[in-house]
Protein backbone atom coordinates (compact mmCIF):
# COMPACT_ATOMS: atom_id res chain seq x y z
CA MET A 1 6.40 -13.67 15.31
CA ALA A 2 5.19 -12.72 11.70
CA GLU A 3 2.06 -10.77 11.33
CA THR A 4 -0.79 -11.88 9.11
CA LEU A 5 -1.49 -9.49 6.26
CA GLN A 6 -4.62 -8.52 8.17
CA GLU A 7 -2.61 -7.57 11.24
CA GLN A 8 -0.27 -5.60 9.04
CA ALA A 9 -3.33 -3.89 7.50
CA GLN A 10 -4.72 -2.91 10.67
CA GLU A 11 -1.20 -1.29 11.79
CA ILE A 12 -1.42 0.57 8.75
CA LEU A 13 -4.93 1.97 9.47
CA ARG A 14 -3.49 2.90 12.95
CA ILE A 15 -0.60 4.74 11.43
CA ALA A 16 -2.88 6.44 9.15
CA GLU A 17 -5.28 7.49 11.88
CA ALA A 18 -2.29 8.70 13.87
CA ASN A 19 -1.45 10.64 10.77
CA GLY A 20 -4.88 11.99 10.25
CA VAL A 21 -5.46 10.66 6.61
CA GLU A 22 -7.68 7.70 7.47
CA GLN A 23 -10.78 9.37 6.60
CA ASN A 24 -9.41 10.70 3.40
CA PHE A 25 -11.49 9.53 0.27
CA PHE A 26 -8.38 8.83 -1.90
CA PHE A 27 -6.55 7.08 1.05
CA VAL A 28 -9.57 4.78 1.84
CA THR A 29 -10.40 3.84 -1.62
CA THR A 30 -6.72 3.31 -2.60
CA PHE A 31 -6.07 1.22 0.32
CA LYS A 32 -9.09 -0.90 -0.34
CA ARG A 33 -8.01 -1.31 -3.76
CA TYR A 34 -4.55 -2.47 -2.62
CA GLN A 35 -6.07 -5.10 -0.26
CA VAL A 36 -7.98 -6.62 -3.22
CA GLN A 37 -4.79 -6.77 -5.10
CA ILE A 38 -2.94 -8.33 -2.29
CA ASN A 39 -5.74 -11.15 -1.97
CA ILE A 40 -5.57 -11.54 -5.95
CA LEU A 41 -2.06 -12.19 -5.74
CA THR A 42 -2.39 -14.53 -2.88
CA ASP A 43 -5.00 -16.71 -4.75
CA LEU A 44 -2.74 -16.52 -7.79
CA GLU A 45 0.07 -17.63 -5.84
CA ARG A 46 -1.89 -20.49 -4.58
CA VAL A 47 -2.79 -21.76 -8.11
CA LEU A 48 0.83 -21.53 -9.14
CA ASN A 49 2.18 -23.28 -6.35
CA LEU A 50 -0.62 -26.06 -6.76
CA SER A 51 -0.17 -26.42 -10.55
CA GLU A 52 2.18 -29.21 -11.91
CA THR A 53 2.57 -27.39 -15.23
CA VAL A 54 3.41 -23.73 -16.20
CA ASP A 55 0.20 -21.76 -17.00
CA THR A 56 1.33 -18.86 -18.80
CA LYS A 57 -2.16 -17.00 -18.36
CA THR A 58 -1.93 -17.19 -14.37
CA ILE A 59 1.83 -16.17 -14.54
CA ASP A 60 0.79 -13.21 -17.01
CA ALA A 61 -2.04 -12.21 -14.41
CA TYR A 62 0.01 -12.60 -11.37
CA ASN A 63 2.76 -10.20 -13.08
CA LYS A 64 0.19 -7.75 -14.02
CA THR A 65 -1.50 -7.79 -10.64
CA SER A 66 1.85 -7.33 -9.22
CA SER A 67 2.87 -4.42 -11.12
CA ALA A 68 -0.55 -2.71 -10.38
CA ALA A 69 -0.38 -3.44 -6.69
CA ASN A 70 3.28 -1.91 -6.79
CA SER A 71 1.99 1.06 -8.24
CA THR A 72 -0.79 1.37 -5.78
CA ALA A 73 1.33 1.03 -3.03
CA GLN A 74 3.45 3.93 -4.28
CA THR A 75 0.17 5.79 -4.44
CA LEU A 76 -0.68 5.29 -1.13
CA MET A 77 2.66 6.21 0.29
CA ARG A 78 2.24 9.58 -1.60
CA ILE A 79 -1.30 10.03 -0.28
CA ILE A 80 -0.06 9.71 3.32
CA THR A 81 3.18 11.66 2.69
CA SER A 82 0.84 14.71 1.36
CA LEU A 83 -1.74 14.75 3.74
CA ARG A 84 0.06 14.13 7.04
CA PRO A 85 0.46 16.90 9.35
CA LYS A 86 3.93 18.38 9.08
CA ASP A 87 6.30 18.36 11.60
CA PRO A 88 6.65 21.83 13.08
CA LEU A 89 10.35 21.85 13.31
CA ALA A 90 10.90 20.68 9.97
CA ARG A 91 8.68 23.33 8.76
CA ALA A 92 10.63 25.89 10.70
CA ILE A 93 13.83 24.58 9.13
CA ASN A 94 12.81 24.68 5.63
CA THR A 95 11.28 28.23 5.95
CA ILE A 96 14.65 29.80 7.23
CA LYS A 97 15.81 32.12 4.92
CA LYS A 98 19.77 31.71 4.10
CA GLY A 99 22.34 34.45 4.62
C-alpha cells in the first residue's frame, strides 16, 4: 500500500527524531520549505493535467520548483548526515592508524 505524502513526511520526522536532528533549526526550516515545494508541485501537476493546452508558464514554474525541491532534498540529506550521532564502530574503524 502506497503511503500518502503526509505519511511519508511523518516517517521522515520519526527517522529524524531517532537520529536526534528533529529539533535542529536548519532541519526544521528546510523540511518545512521542502513540504511547501512538494505542495506547489502537486498543485502545478494538477493544473497541467487539467489543461487542454500547453501552458509554458506553468511548465516553467513546475521545472523551477522541481529543481528547487531537488536541491532542498539534497540539503536535508546533508543536514541529517552531518548531525546524526556517529556509529561507534565506524568511528573506531576510521580512527585506527595504518601500519
